[in-house]
Amino acid sequence: HEIMTSLMEYICKLDNVTVLEDVMAIKL
């Protein structure tokens, strides 16, 4: 939990990273 929280907070500061939630990959 500590590791994930720190990674999330850091990523929130990155302009080039977009996070899409509630999407499931079904085929490459």
PDB file of all heavy atoms in Angstrom:
ATOM      1  N   HIS A   1       0.838  -1.203   0.000  1.00  0.00           N
ATOM      2  CA  HIS A   1       0.000   0.000   0.000  1.00  0.00           C
ATOM      3  C   HIS A   1       0.871   1.250   0.000  1.00  0.00           C
ATOM      4  O   HIS A   1       0.593   2.221  -0.732  1.00  0.00           O
ATOM      5  CB  HIS A   1      -0.921  -0.018   1.223  1.00  0.00           C
ATOM      6  CG  HIS A   1      -1.850   1.152   1.301  1.00  0.00           C
ATOM      7  ND1 HIS A   1      -1.488   2.344   1.902  1.00  0.00           N
ATOM      8  CD2 HIS A   1      -3.110   1.329   0.846  1.00  0.00           C
ATOM      9  CE1 HIS A   1      -2.500   3.192   1.815  1.00  0.00           C
ATOM     10  NE2 HIS A   1      -3.497   2.596   1.175  1.00  0.00           N
ATOM     11  N   GLU A   2       1.925   1.243   0.780  1.00  0.00           N
ATOM     12  CA  GLU A   2       2.831   2.391   0.839  1.00  0.00           C
ATOM     13  C   GLU A   2       3.513   2.610  -0.510  1.00  0.00           C
ATOM     14  O   GLU A   2       3.614   3.745  -0.994  1.00  0.00           O
ATOM     15  CB  GLU A   2       3.885   2.167   1.930  1.00  0.00           C
ATOM     16  CG  GLU A   2       4.883   3.303   2.093  1.00  0.00           C
ATOM     17  CD  GLU A   2       4.265   4.593   2.588  1.00  0.00           C
ATOM     18  OE1 GLU A   2       3.181   4.537   3.219  1.00  0.00           O
ATOM     19  OE2 GLU A   2       4.857   5.668   2.346  1.00  0.00           O
ATOM     20  N   ILE A   3       3.961   1.524  -1.115  1.00  0.00           N
ATOM     21  CA  ILE A   3       4.621   1.622  -2.417  1.00  0.00           C
ATOM     22  C   ILE A   3       3.658   2.136  -3.479  1.00  0.00           C
ATOM     23  O   ILE A   3       3.968   3.055  -4.250  1.00  0.00           O
ATOM     24  CB  ILE A   3       5.190   0.246  -2.831  1.00  0.00           C
ATOM     25  CG1 ILE A   3       6.401  -0.101  -1.953  1.00  0.00           C
ATOM     26  CG2 ILE A   3       5.566   0.220  -4.316  1.00  0.00           C
ATOM     27  CD1 ILE A   3       6.924  -1.514  -2.162  1.00  0.00           C
ATOM     28  N   MET A   4       2.463   1.576  -3.515  1.00  0.00           N
ATOM     29  CA  MET A   4       1.502   1.943  -4.547  1.00  0.00           C
ATOM     30  C   MET A   4       1.045   3.390  -4.394  1.00  0.00           C
ATOM     31  O   MET A   4       0.881   4.111  -5.386  1.00  0.00           O
ATOM     32  CB  MET A   4       0.300   0.997  -4.485  1.00  0.00           C
ATOM     33  CG  MET A   4      -0.491   0.904  -5.773  1.00  0.00           C
ATOM     34  SD  MET A   4       0.453   0.180  -7.121  1.00  0.00           S
ATOM     35  CE  MET A   4       0.226   1.439  -8.380  1.00  0.00           C
ATOM     36  N   THR A   5       0.854   3.813  -3.168  1.00  0.00           N
ATOM     37  CA  THR A   5       0.435   5.200  -2.931  1.00  0.00           C
ATOM     38  C   THR A   5       1.482   6.181  -3.442  1.00  0.00           C
ATOM     39  O   THR A   5       1.154   7.189  -4.093  1.00  0.00           O
ATOM     40  CB  THR A   5       0.179   5.430  -1.431  1.00  0.00           C
ATOM     41  OG1 THR A   5      -0.863   4.559  -0.990  1.00  0.00           O
ATOM     42  CG2 THR A   5      -0.232   6.873  -1.167  1.00  0.00           C
ATOM     43  N   SER A   6       2.755   5.886  -3.174  1.00  0.00           N
ATOM     44  CA  SER A   6       3.821   6.794  -3.617  1.00  0.00           C
ATOM     45  C   SER A   6       3.926   6.818  -5.143  1.00  0.00           C
ATOM     46  O   SER A   6       4.121   7.887  -5.740  1.00  0.00           O
ATOM     47  CB  SER A   6       5.160   6.387  -2.991  1.00  0.00           C
ATOM     48  OG  SER A   6       5.583   5.128  -3.461  1.00  0.00           O
ATOM     49  N   LEU A   7       3.784   5.652  -5.792  1.00  0.00           N
ATOM     50  CA  LEU A   7       3.838   5.610  -7.251  1.00  0.00           C
ATOM     51  C   LEU A   7       2.678   6.382  -7.874  1.00  0.00           C
ATOM     52  O   LEU A   7       2.850   7.122  -8.845  1.00  0.00           O
ATOM     53  CB  LEU A   7       3.811   4.153  -7.728  1.00  0.00           C
ATOM     54  CG  LEU A   7       5.033   3.288  -7.401  1.00  0.00           C
ATOM     55  CD1 LEU A   7       4.746   1.816  -7.721  1.00  0.00           C
ATOM     56  CD2 LEU A   7       6.257   3.767  -8.172  1.00  0.00           C
ATOM     57  N   MET A   8       1.484   6.206  -7.305  1.00  0.00           N
ATOM     58  CA  MET A   8       0.308   6.925  -7.817  1.00  0.00           C
ATOM     59  C   MET A   8       0.490   8.439  -7.722  1.00  0.00           C
ATOM     60  O   MET A   8       0.206   9.177  -8.672  1.00  0.00           O
ATOM     61  CB  MET A   8      -0.934   6.531  -7.016  1.00  0.00           C
ATOM     62  CG  MET A   8      -1.471   5.151  -7.281  1.00  0.00           C
ATOM     63  SD  MET A   8      -2.765   4.749  -6.090  1.00  0.00           S
ATOM     64  CE  MET A   8      -3.927   6.080  -6.384  1.00  0.00           C
ATOM     65  N   GLU A   9       0.935   8.882  -6.562  1.00  0.00           N
ATOM     66  CA  GLU A   9       1.093  10.322  -6.360  1.00  0.00           C
ATOM     67  C   GLU A   9       2.138  10.900  -7.309  1.00  0.00           C
ATOM     68  O   GLU A   9       1.981  12.004  -7.832  1.00  0.00           O
ATOM     69  CB  GLU A   9       1.471  10.604  -4.910  1.00  0.00           C
ATOM     70  CG  GLU A   9       0.328  10.329  -3.930  1.00  0.00           C
ATOM     71  CD  GLU A   9       0.714  10.597  -2.487  1.00  0.00           C
ATOM     72  OE1 GLU A   9       1.916  10.858  -2.228  1.00  0.00           O
ATOM     73  OE2 GLU A   9      -0.168  10.541  -1.620  1.00  0.00           O
ATOM     74  N   TYR A  10       3.193  10.148  -7.550  1.00  0.00           N
ATOM     75  CA  TYR A  10       4.235  10.622  -8.455  1.00  0.00           C
ATOM     76  C   TYR A  10       3.716  10.690  -9.886  1.00  0.00           C
ATOM     77  O   TYR A  10       3.966  11.667 -10.613  1.00  0.00           O
ATOM     78  CB  TYR A  10       5.455   9.706  -8.370  1.00  0.00           C
ATOM     79  CG  TYR A  10       6.688  10.278  -9.015  1.00  0.00           C
ATOM     80  CD1 TYR A  10       7.543  11.119  -8.312  1.00  0.00           C
ATOM     81  CD2 TYR A  10       7.000   9.979 -10.344  1.00  0.00           C
ATOM     82  CE1 TYR A  10       8.679  11.657  -8.906  1.00  0.00           C
ATOM     83  CE2 TYR A  10       8.132  10.514 -10.947  1.00  0.00           C
ATOM     84  CZ  TYR A  10       8.966  11.348 -10.225  1.00  0.00           C
ATOM     85  OH  TYR A  10      10.082  11.888 -10.820  1.00  0.00           O
ATOM     86  N   ILE A  11       2.977   9.671 -10.303  1.00  0.00           N
ATOM     87  CA  ILE A  11       2.442   9.629 -11.666  1.00  0.00           C
ATOM     88  C   ILE A  11       1.462  10.772 -11.915  1.00  0.00           C
ATOM     89  O   ILE A  11       1.379  11.303 -13.033  1.00  0.00           O
ATOM     90  CB  ILE A  11       1.800   8.253 -11.939  1.00  0.00           C
ATOM     91  CG1 ILE A  11       2.896   7.207 -12.165  1.00  0.00           C
ATOM     92  CG2 ILE A  11       0.867   8.293 -13.148  1.00  0.00           C
ATOM     93  CD1 ILE A  11       2.404   5.790 -12.315  1.00  0.00           C
ATOM     94  N   CYS A  12       0.734  11.151 -10.892  1.00  0.00           N
ATOM     95  CA  CYS A  12      -0.223  12.264 -11.043  1.00  0.00           C
ATOM     96  C   CYS A  12       0.453  13.568 -11.457  1.00  0.00           C
ATOM     97  O   CYS A  12      -0.196  14.475 -11.992  1.00  0.00           O
ATOM     98  CB  CYS A  12      -0.996  12.470  -9.740  1.00  0.00           C
ATOM     99  SG  CYS A  12      -2.227  11.190  -9.414  1.00  0.00           S
ATOM    100  N   LYS A  13       1.750  13.667 -11.235  1.00  0.00           N
ATOM    101  CA  LYS A  13       2.495  14.882 -11.581  1.00  0.00           C
ATOM    102  C   LYS A  13       3.067  14.834 -13.004  1.00  0.00           C
ATOM    103  O   LYS A  13       3.646  15.811 -13.462  1.00  0.00           O
ATOM    104  CB  LYS A  13       3.643  15.086 -10.589  1.00  0.00           C
ATOM    105  CG  LYS A  13       3.226  15.148  -9.133  1.00  0.00           C
ATOM    106  CD  LYS A  13       4.445  15.135  -8.216  1.00  0.00           C
ATOM    107  CE  LYS A  13       4.043  15.038  -6.753  1.00  0.00           C
ATOM    108  NZ  LYS A  13       5.228  14.922  -5.854  1.00  0.00           N
ATOM    109  N   LEU A  14       2.916  13.703 -13.680  1.00  0.00           N
ATOM    110  CA  LEU A  14       3.529  13.521 -14.988  1.00  0.00           C
ATOM    111  C   LEU A  14       2.552  13.872 -16.107  1.00  0.00           C
ATOM    112  O   LEU A  14       1.508  13.234 -16.252  1.00  0.00           O
ATOM    113  CB  LEU A  14       4.005  12.073 -15.140  1.00  0.00           C
ATOM    114  CG  LEU A  14       5.009  11.594 -14.086  1.00  0.00           C
ATOM    115  CD1 LEU A  14       5.321  10.108 -14.286  1.00  0.00           C
ATOM    116  CD2 LEU A  14       6.294  12.412 -14.137  1.00  0.00           C
ATOM    117  N   ASP A  15       2.881  14.870 -16.893  1.00  0.00           N
ATOM    118  CA  ASP A  15       1.974  15.369 -17.928  1.00  0.00           C
ATOM    119  C   ASP A  15       1.748  14.374 -19.068  1.00  0.00           C
ATOM    120  O   ASP A  15       0.692  14.379 -19.699  1.00  0.00           O
ATOM    121  CB  ASP A  15       2.516  16.683 -18.508  1.00  0.00           C
ATOM    122  CG  ASP A  15       2.508  17.813 -17.495  1.00  0.00           C
ATOM    123  OD1 ASP A  15       1.694  17.743 -16.551  1.00  0.00           O
ATOM    124  OD2 ASP A  15       3.329  18.744 -17.635  1.00  0.00           O
ATOM    125  N   ASN A  16       2.738  13.545 -19.349  1.00  0.00           N
ATOM    126  CA  ASN A  16       2.650  12.655 -20.510  1.00  0.00           C
ATOM    127  C   ASN A  16       1.937  11.342 -20.241  1.00  0.00           C
ATOM    128  O   ASN A  16       1.742  10.540 -21.155  1.00  0.00           O
ATOM    129  CB  ASN A  16       4.053  12.340 -21.026  1.00  0.00           C
ATOM    130  CG  ASN A  16       4.664  13.510 -21.772  1.00  0.00           C
ATOM    131  OD1 ASN A  16       3.974  14.434 -22.167  1.00  0.00           O
ATOM    132  ND2 ASN A  16       5.979  13.471 -21.960  1.00  0.00           N
ATOM    133  N   VAL A  17       1.573  11.081 -18.982  1.00  0.00           N
ATOM    134  CA  VAL A  17       0.965   9.798 -18.624  1.00  0.00           C
ATOM    135  C   VAL A  17      -0.539   9.962 -18.442  1.00  0.00           C
ATOM    136  O   VAL A  17      -0.995  10.762 -17.613  1.00  0.00           O
ATOM    137  CB  VAL A  17       1.593   9.218 -17.343  1.00  0.00           C
ATOM    138  CG1 VAL A  17       0.913   7.894 -16.982  1.00  0.00           C
ATOM    139  CG2 VAL A  17       3.088   9.007 -17.524  1.00  0.00           C
ATOM    140  N   THR A  18      -1.310   9.211 -19.227  1.00  0.00           N
ATOM    141  CA  THR A  18      -2.770   9.202 -19.117  1.00  0.00           C
ATOM    142  C   THR A  18      -3.205   7.862 -18.547  1.00  0.00           C
ATOM    143  O   THR A  18      -2.771   6.806 -19.016  1.00  0.00           O
ATOM    144  CB  THR A  18      -3.427   9.385 -20.500  1.00  0.00           C
ATOM    145  OG1 THR A  18      -3.018  10.639 -21.043  1.00  0.00           O
ATOM    146  CG2 THR A  18      -4.946   9.347 -20.395  1.00  0.00           C
ATOM    147  N   VAL A  19      -4.054   7.906 -17.526  1.00  0.00           N
ATOM    148  CA  VAL A  19      -4.555   6.679 -16.907  1.00  0.00           C
ATOM    149  C   VAL A  19      -6.017   6.485 -17.293  1.00  0.00           C
ATOM    150  O   VAL A  19      -6.849   7.373 -17.090  1.00  0.00           O
ATOM    151  CB  VAL A  19      -4.413   6.724 -15.369  1.00  0.00           C
ATOM    152  CG1 VAL A  19      -5.024   5.467 -14.743  1.00  0.00           C
ATOM    153  CG2 VAL A  19      -2.952   6.864 -14.970  1.00  0.00           C
ATOM    154  N   LEU A  20      -6.319   5.327 -17.890  1.00  0.00           N
ATOM    155  CA  LEU A  20      -7.696   4.958 -18.212  1.00  0.00           C
ATOM    156  C   LEU A  20      -8.139   3.860 -17.246  1.00  0.00           C
ATOM    157  O   LEU A  20      -7.490   2.813 -17.171  1.00  0.00           O
ATOM    158  CB  LEU A  20      -7.804   4.443 -19.645  1.00  0.00           C
ATOM    159  CG  LEU A  20      -7.419   5.395 -20.779  1.00  0.00           C
ATOM    160  CD1 LEU A  20      -7.614   4.701 -22.125  1.00  0.00           C
ATOM    161  CD2 LEU A  20      -8.230   6.673 -20.723  1.00  0.00           C
ATOM    162  N   GLU A  21      -9.228   4.085 -16.541  1.00  0.00           N
ATOM    163  CA  GLU A  21      -9.720   3.112 -15.576  1.00  0.00           C
ATOM    164  C   GLU A  21     -10.945   2.391 -16.118  1.00  0.00           C
ATOM    165  O   GLU A  21     -11.616   2.866 -17.035  1.00  0.00           O
ATOM    166  CB  GLU A  21     -10.067   3.806 -14.254  1.00  0.00           C
ATOM    167  CG  GLU A  21      -8.869   4.457 -13.583  1.00  0.00           C
ATOM    168  CD  GLU A  21      -9.232   5.119 -12.279  1.00  0.00           C
ATOM    169  OE1 GLU A  21     -10.311   5.759 -12.207  1.00  0.00           O
ATOM    170  OE2 GLU A  21      -8.448   5.020 -11.314  1.00  0.00           O
ATOM    171  N   ASP A  22     -11.219   1.227 -15.540  1.00  0.00           N
ATOM    172  CA  ASP A  22     -12.393   0.426 -15.902  1.00  0.00           C
ATOM    173  C   ASP A  22     -12.426   0.073 -17.380  1.00  0.00           C
ATOM    174  O   ASP A  22     -13.474   0.106 -18.033  1.00  0.00           O
ATOM    175  CB  ASP A  22     -13.681   1.155 -15.503  1.00  0.00           C
ATOM    176  CG  ASP A  22     -13.853   1.231 -13.994  1.00  0.00           C
ATOM    177  OD1 ASP A  22     -13.563   0.233 -13.317  1.00  0.00           O
ATOM    178  OD2 ASP A  22     -14.272   2.297 -13.502  1.00  0.00           O
ATOM    179  N   VAL A  23     -11.258  -0.282 -17.915  1.00  0.00           N
ATOM    180  CA  VAL A  23     -11.172  -0.782 -19.286  1.00  0.00           C
ATOM    181  C   VAL A  23     -10.397  -2.098 -19.254  1.00  0.00           C
ATOM    182  O   VAL A  23      -9.398  -2.230 -18.564  1.00  0.00           O
ATOM    183  CB  VAL A  23     -10.492   0.223 -20.241  1.00  0.00           C
ATOM    184  CG1 VAL A  23     -11.366   1.455 -20.417  1.00  0.00           C
ATOM    185  CG2 VAL A  23      -9.100   0.610 -19.763  1.00  0.00           C
ATOM    186  N   MET A  24     -10.879  -3.068 -20.004  1.00  0.00           N
ATOM    187  CA  MET A  24     -10.302  -4.409 -19.974  1.00  0.00           C
ATOM    188  C   MET A  24      -9.772  -4.787 -21.350  1.00  0.00           C
ATOM    189  O   MET A  24     -10.514  -4.770 -22.335  1.00  0.00           O
ATOM    190  CB  MET A  24     -11.370  -5.419 -19.534  1.00  0.00           C
ATOM    191  CG  MET A  24     -10.938  -6.862 -19.614  1.00  0.00           C
ATOM    192  SD  MET A  24     -12.328  -7.965 -19.222  1.00  0.00           S
ATOM    193  CE  MET A  24     -11.603  -9.555 -19.634  1.00  0.00           C
ATOM    194  N   ALA A  25      -8.481  -5.097 -21.419  1.00  0.00           N
ATOM    195  CA  ALA A  25      -7.909  -5.574 -22.672  1.00  0.00           C
ATOM    196  C   ALA A  25      -8.442  -6.973 -22.971  1.00  0.00           C
ATOM    197  O   ALA A  25      -8.434  -7.840 -22.100  1.00  0.00           O
ATOM    198  CB  ALA A  25      -6.390  -5.606 -22.579  1.00  0.00           C
ATOM    199  N   ILE A  26      -8.920  -7.172 -24.192  1.00  0.00           N
ATOM    200  CA  ILE A  26      -9.476  -8.473 -24.557  1.00  0.00           C
ATOM    201  C   ILE A  26      -8.715  -9.131 -25.705  1.00  0.00           C
ATOM    202  O   ILE A  26      -8.861 -10.331 -25.931  1.00  0.00           O
ATOM    203  CB  ILE A  26     -10.974  -8.379 -24.906  1.00  0.00           C
ATOM    204  CG1 ILE A  26     -11.226  -7.373 -26.018  1.00  0.00           C
ATOM    205  CG2 ILE A  26     -11.788  -8.013 -23.667  1.00  0.00           C
ATOM    206  CD1 ILE A  26     -12.678  -7.282 -26.465  1.00  0.00           C
ATOM    207  N   LYS A  27      -7.888  -8.359 -26.409  1.00  0.00           N
ATOM    208  CA  LYS A  27      -7.109  -8.937 -27.506  1.00  0.00           C
ATOM    209  C   LYS A  27      -5.968  -8.002 -27.877  1.00  0.00           C
ATOM    210  O   LYS A  27      -6.165  -6.789 -27.976  1.00  0.00           O
ATOM    211  CB  LYS A  27      -7.994  -9.175 -28.737  1.00  0.00           C
ATOM    212  CG  LYS A  27      -7.261  -9.826 -29.913  1.00  0.00           C
ATOM    213  CD  LYS A  27      -8.212 -10.094 -31.059  1.00  0.00           C
ATOM    214  CE  LYS A  27      -7.475 -10.590 -32.307  1.00  0.00           C
ATOM    215  NZ  LYS A  27      -6.683 -11.812 -32.058  1.00  0.00           N
ATOM    216  N   LEU A  28      -4.784  -8.562 -28.065  1.00  0.00           N
ATOM    217  CA  LEU A  28      -3.662  -7.774 -28.565  1.00  0.00           C
ATOM    218  C   LEU A  28      -3.808  -7.588 -30.069  1.00  0.00           C
ATOM    219  O   LEU A  28      -4.342  -8.450 -30.773  1.00  0.00           O
ATOM    220  CB  LEU A  28      -2.340  -8.475 -28.259  1.00  0.00           C
ATOM    221  CG  LEU A  28      -1.972  -8.639 -26.790  1.00  0.00           C
ATOM    222  CD1 LEU A  28      -0.708  -9.474 -26.656  1.00  0.00           C
ATOM    223  CD2 LEU A  28      -1.796  -7.289 -26.110  1.00  0.00           C
TER     224      LEU A  28
END
